[in-house]
Structures are given as C-alpha cells and as structure tokens.
C-alpha cells in the first residue's frame, strides 16, 4: 500500500498547526507479487519500483505509475540489457 500525503511548508512558528494530510491511499495491485523498493513523486504522478523475485538468485524490477489525483494506474515492465 502507498499513502500520499500533503505536507504544508509553513514558517517555523506555524509548525504547531501544520500536519500531514492524507490525500490518497493506493493499494498494491493483487497481481503484482513484488515488494515495494522505491517511491518517487512528481506533481500528480507517483512512481513505485517493485522488486519481483523469480527464484532465489534472479529478480527483476517493475514500475507502477499512478496519477494520485485520478487514481489511474499503469504497470511498466522494463527490460534492461546488461552491457559488458
């Protein structure tokens, strides 16, 4: 689950009244077996990186892109090529 909060940036003397405000709770898609590794946000877009274990040694990453305003989601399964 990913929770998106709004954090008001106020002057130091106003911090007693400022607190995080929960904007949206985004459940992890049921068909995504991985574990959340990193989360980034820019504007309305949240990007969550998942590590998916294929076996004890091999794993790959998937990206879940979410518009936290509309709730639209897109799973991206990038393929990286190792260069030696």
N, C-alpha and C. Protein backbone atom coordinates (compact mmCIF):
# COMPACT_ATOMS: atom_id res chain seq x y z
N UNK A 1 0.84 -1.16 0.00
CA UNK A 1 0.00 0.00 0.00
C UNK A 1 0.89 1.24 0.00
N UNK A 2 0.48 2.24 -0.75
CA UNK A 2 1.17 3.52 -0.81
C UNK A 2 0.21 4.59 -0.33
N UNK A 3 0.65 5.43 0.59
CA UNK A 3 -0.17 6.54 1.05
C UNK A 3 0.49 7.84 0.63
N UNK A 4 -0.28 8.73 0.02
CA UNK A 4 0.22 10.03 -0.45
C UNK A 4 -0.29 11.09 0.51
N UNK A 5 0.63 11.89 1.04
CA UNK A 5 0.30 12.94 1.99
C UNK A 5 0.65 14.30 1.43
N UNK A 6 -0.09 15.30 1.84
CA UNK A 6 0.24 16.69 1.55
C UNK A 6 0.90 17.24 2.81
N UNK A 7 2.09 17.80 2.66
CA UNK A 7 2.83 18.36 3.79
C UNK A 7 2.96 19.86 3.60
N UNK A 8 2.19 20.64 4.32
CA UNK A 8 2.28 22.10 4.17
C UNK A 8 3.63 22.60 4.68
N UNK A 9 4.25 23.47 3.90
CA UNK A 9 5.52 24.07 4.30
C UNK A 9 5.23 25.47 4.82
N UNK A 10 5.30 25.61 6.11
CA UNK A 10 4.98 26.87 6.77
C UNK A 10 6.20 27.43 7.48
N UNK A 11 6.09 28.66 7.93
CA UNK A 11 7.17 29.25 8.74
C UNK A 11 7.32 28.45 10.03
N UNK A 12 8.50 28.48 10.60
CA UNK A 12 8.79 27.69 11.81
C UNK A 12 7.77 27.91 12.92
N UNK A 13 7.33 29.12 13.13
CA UNK A 13 6.42 29.39 14.24
C UNK A 13 5.01 28.83 13.98
N UNK A 14 4.71 28.40 12.75
CA UNK A 14 3.39 27.86 12.42
C UNK A 14 3.35 26.33 12.45
N UNK A 15 4.46 25.66 12.79
CA UNK A 15 4.50 24.21 12.73
C UNK A 15 3.54 23.53 13.70
N UNK A 16 3.13 24.20 14.75
CA UNK A 16 2.21 23.57 15.69
C UNK A 16 0.85 23.30 15.06
N UNK A 17 0.49 24.05 14.02
CA UNK A 17 -0.80 23.89 13.37
C UNK A 17 -0.71 23.05 12.09
N UNK A 18 0.51 22.79 11.63
CA UNK A 18 0.69 22.07 10.37
C UNK A 18 0.87 20.58 10.65
N UNK A 19 0.26 19.79 9.85
CA UNK A 19 0.44 18.35 9.96
C UNK A 19 0.19 17.72 8.61
N UNK A 20 0.66 16.50 8.42
CA UNK A 20 0.44 15.84 7.14
C UNK A 20 -1.04 15.55 6.93
N UNK A 21 -1.50 15.72 5.71
CA UNK A 21 -2.88 15.46 5.34
C UNK A 21 -2.90 14.33 4.32
N UNK A 22 -3.55 13.21 4.66
CA UNK A 22 -3.63 12.07 3.75
C UNK A 22 -4.49 12.44 2.55
N UNK A 23 -3.91 12.34 1.34
CA UNK A 23 -4.62 12.67 0.11
C UNK A 23 -5.24 11.42 -0.50
N UNK A 24 -4.47 10.34 -0.56
CA UNK A 24 -4.97 9.11 -1.20
C UNK A 24 -4.21 7.91 -0.67
N UNK A 25 -4.91 6.81 -0.52
CA UNK A 25 -4.31 5.52 -0.21
C UNK A 25 -4.44 4.65 -1.45
N UNK A 26 -3.31 4.11 -1.90
CA UNK A 26 -3.27 3.32 -3.12
C UNK A 26 -2.89 1.89 -2.74
N UNK A 27 -3.81 0.94 -2.89
CA UNK A 27 -3.47 -0.45 -2.57
C UNK A 27 -2.54 -1.04 -3.62
N UNK A 28 -1.71 -1.98 -3.19
CA UNK A 28 -0.85 -2.68 -4.15
C UNK A 28 -1.73 -3.58 -5.00
N UNK A 29 -1.55 -3.54 -6.33
CA UNK A 29 -2.35 -4.42 -7.19
C UNK A 29 -2.17 -5.88 -6.78
N UNK A 30 -3.26 -6.64 -6.77
CA UNK A 30 -3.23 -8.03 -6.32
C UNK A 30 -2.37 -8.91 -7.22
N UNK A 31 -2.25 -8.55 -8.51
CA UNK A 31 -1.49 -9.38 -9.43
C UNK A 31 -0.01 -9.01 -9.47
N UNK A 32 0.43 -8.11 -8.59
CA UNK A 32 1.84 -7.72 -8.54
C UNK A 32 2.49 -8.38 -7.33
N UNK A 33 3.28 -9.44 -7.55
CA UNK A 33 3.81 -10.22 -6.44
C UNK A 33 5.04 -9.63 -5.77
N UNK A 34 5.53 -8.51 -6.25
CA UNK A 34 6.78 -7.96 -5.73
C UNK A 34 6.64 -7.17 -4.45
N UNK A 35 7.77 -6.62 -4.02
CA UNK A 35 7.86 -5.81 -2.81
C UNK A 35 8.25 -4.39 -3.23
N UNK A 36 7.61 -3.39 -2.65
CA UNK A 36 7.94 -2.00 -2.99
C UNK A 36 9.39 -1.73 -2.59
N UNK A 37 10.16 -1.19 -3.54
CA UNK A 37 11.57 -0.90 -3.32
C UNK A 37 11.82 0.59 -3.16
N UNK A 38 11.29 1.40 -4.07
CA UNK A 38 11.46 2.85 -4.03
C UNK A 38 10.18 3.54 -4.48
N UNK A 39 9.95 4.73 -3.97
CA UNK A 39 8.80 5.53 -4.38
C UNK A 39 9.27 6.95 -4.67
N UNK A 40 8.84 7.50 -5.80
CA UNK A 40 9.14 8.89 -6.16
C UNK A 40 7.83 9.56 -6.56
N UNK A 41 7.79 10.88 -6.39
CA UNK A 41 6.58 11.61 -6.77
C UNK A 41 6.98 12.90 -7.47
N UNK A 42 6.24 13.24 -8.51
CA UNK A 42 6.45 14.49 -9.22
C UNK A 42 5.09 14.98 -9.68
N UNK A 43 4.65 16.10 -9.15
CA UNK A 43 3.32 16.60 -9.49
C UNK A 43 2.27 15.62 -9.01
N UNK A 44 1.42 15.18 -9.93
CA UNK A 44 0.36 14.23 -9.59
C UNK A 44 0.76 12.78 -9.80
N UNK A 45 2.00 12.54 -10.27
CA UNK A 45 2.42 11.19 -10.62
C UNK A 45 3.30 10.58 -9.52
N UNK A 46 2.92 9.38 -9.10
CA UNK A 46 3.70 8.59 -8.15
C UNK A 46 4.29 7.43 -8.93
N UNK A 47 5.60 7.20 -8.79
CA UNK A 47 6.27 6.06 -9.42
C UNK A 47 6.79 5.15 -8.32
N UNK A 48 6.33 3.93 -8.31
CA UNK A 48 6.76 2.96 -7.31
C UNK A 48 7.50 1.83 -8.02
N UNK A 49 8.71 1.55 -7.55
CA UNK A 49 9.52 0.48 -8.10
C UNK A 49 9.31 -0.77 -7.25
N UNK A 50 9.01 -1.89 -7.91
CA UNK A 50 8.82 -3.16 -7.23
C UNK A 50 9.92 -4.13 -7.63
N UNK A 51 10.41 -4.90 -6.68
CA UNK A 51 11.36 -5.97 -6.96
C UNK A 51 10.56 -7.27 -6.95
N UNK A 52 10.67 -8.00 -8.03
CA UNK A 52 9.94 -9.26 -8.18
C UNK A 52 10.96 -10.39 -8.23
N UNK A 53 10.89 -11.30 -7.28
CA UNK A 53 11.82 -12.42 -7.23
C UNK A 53 11.34 -13.52 -8.16
N UNK A 54 12.22 -13.93 -9.07
CA UNK A 54 11.89 -15.03 -9.98
C UNK A 54 12.27 -16.37 -9.34
N UNK A 55 13.38 -16.37 -8.62
CA UNK A 55 13.83 -17.53 -7.85
C UNK A 55 14.77 -17.00 -6.77
N UNK A 56 15.57 -17.85 -6.16
CA UNK A 56 16.44 -17.42 -5.06
C UNK A 56 17.53 -16.46 -5.50
N UNK A 57 17.92 -16.49 -6.78
CA UNK A 57 19.03 -15.68 -7.26
C UNK A 57 18.55 -14.55 -8.18
N UNK A 58 17.63 -14.83 -9.07
CA UNK A 58 17.22 -13.87 -10.10
C UNK A 58 16.02 -13.05 -9.66
N UNK A 59 16.03 -11.78 -10.05
CA UNK A 59 14.92 -10.88 -9.77
C UNK A 59 14.86 -9.81 -10.86
N UNK A 60 13.73 -9.14 -10.97
CA UNK A 60 13.61 -8.04 -11.91
C UNK A 60 12.74 -6.94 -11.28
N UNK A 61 12.75 -5.79 -11.91
CA UNK A 61 12.01 -4.64 -11.40
C UNK A 61 10.81 -4.34 -12.28
N UNK A 62 9.74 -3.89 -11.66
CA UNK A 62 8.58 -3.38 -12.37
C UNK A 62 8.27 -2.00 -11.79
N UNK A 63 7.71 -1.13 -12.62
CA UNK A 63 7.34 0.22 -12.18
C UNK A 63 5.83 0.37 -12.24
N UNK A 64 5.27 0.88 -11.17
CA UNK A 64 3.85 1.19 -11.14
C UNK A 64 3.72 2.70 -11.16
N UNK A 65 3.13 3.25 -12.22
CA UNK A 65 2.91 4.69 -12.35
C UNK A 65 1.46 4.98 -11.98
N UNK A 66 1.26 5.93 -11.09
CA UNK A 66 -0.07 6.23 -10.56
C UNK A 66 -0.30 7.72 -10.61
N UNK A 67 -1.46 8.12 -11.13
CA UNK A 67 -1.88 9.51 -11.02
C UNK A 67 -2.71 9.57 -9.74
N UNK A 68 -2.15 10.19 -8.69
CA UNK A 68 -2.83 10.15 -7.39
C UNK A 68 -4.08 11.02 -7.36
N UNK A 69 -4.28 11.89 -8.37
CA UNK A 69 -5.50 12.70 -8.43
C UNK A 69 -6.65 11.90 -9.01
N UNK A 70 -6.40 11.18 -10.10
CA UNK A 70 -7.46 10.42 -10.77
C UNK A 70 -7.52 8.96 -10.34
N UNK A 71 -6.41 8.45 -9.80
CA UNK A 71 -6.35 7.04 -9.44
C UNK A 71 -5.94 6.13 -10.58
N UNK A 72 -5.70 6.69 -11.77
CA UNK A 72 -5.29 5.88 -12.92
C UNK A 72 -3.92 5.25 -12.65
N UNK A 73 -3.76 3.99 -13.06
CA UNK A 73 -2.52 3.27 -12.83
C UNK A 73 -2.06 2.59 -14.11
N UNK A 74 -0.72 2.47 -14.25
CA UNK A 74 -0.14 1.73 -15.37
C UNK A 74 1.09 1.00 -14.87
N UNK A 75 1.12 -0.31 -15.07
CA UNK A 75 2.27 -1.11 -14.70
C UNK A 75 3.22 -1.19 -15.88
N UNK A 76 4.49 -0.90 -15.66
CA UNK A 76 5.51 -0.94 -16.70
C UNK A 76 6.52 -2.02 -16.31
N UNK A 77 6.81 -2.90 -17.25
CA UNK A 77 7.76 -3.98 -17.01
C UNK A 77 8.96 -3.77 -17.93
N UNK A 78 9.89 -2.88 -17.52
CA UNK A 78 11.02 -2.57 -18.40
C UNK A 78 11.98 -3.75 -18.51
N UNK A 79 12.56 -3.88 -19.66
CA UNK A 79 13.57 -4.93 -19.90
C UNK A 79 14.91 -4.22 -20.06
N UNK A 80 15.82 -4.54 -19.17
CA UNK A 80 17.16 -3.93 -19.21
C UNK A 80 18.13 -4.96 -19.77
N UNK A 81 19.00 -4.49 -20.63
CA UNK A 81 20.01 -5.34 -21.23
C UNK A 81 21.34 -5.03 -20.57
N UNK A 82 22.01 -6.06 -20.08
CA UNK A 82 23.33 -5.87 -19.48
C UNK A 82 24.36 -5.67 -20.58
N UNK A 83 25.20 -4.65 -20.38
CA UNK A 83 26.27 -4.38 -21.35
C UNK A 83 27.59 -4.68 -20.65
N UNK A 84 28.40 -5.50 -21.28
CA UNK A 84 29.70 -5.86 -20.69
C UNK A 84 30.78 -5.07 -21.30
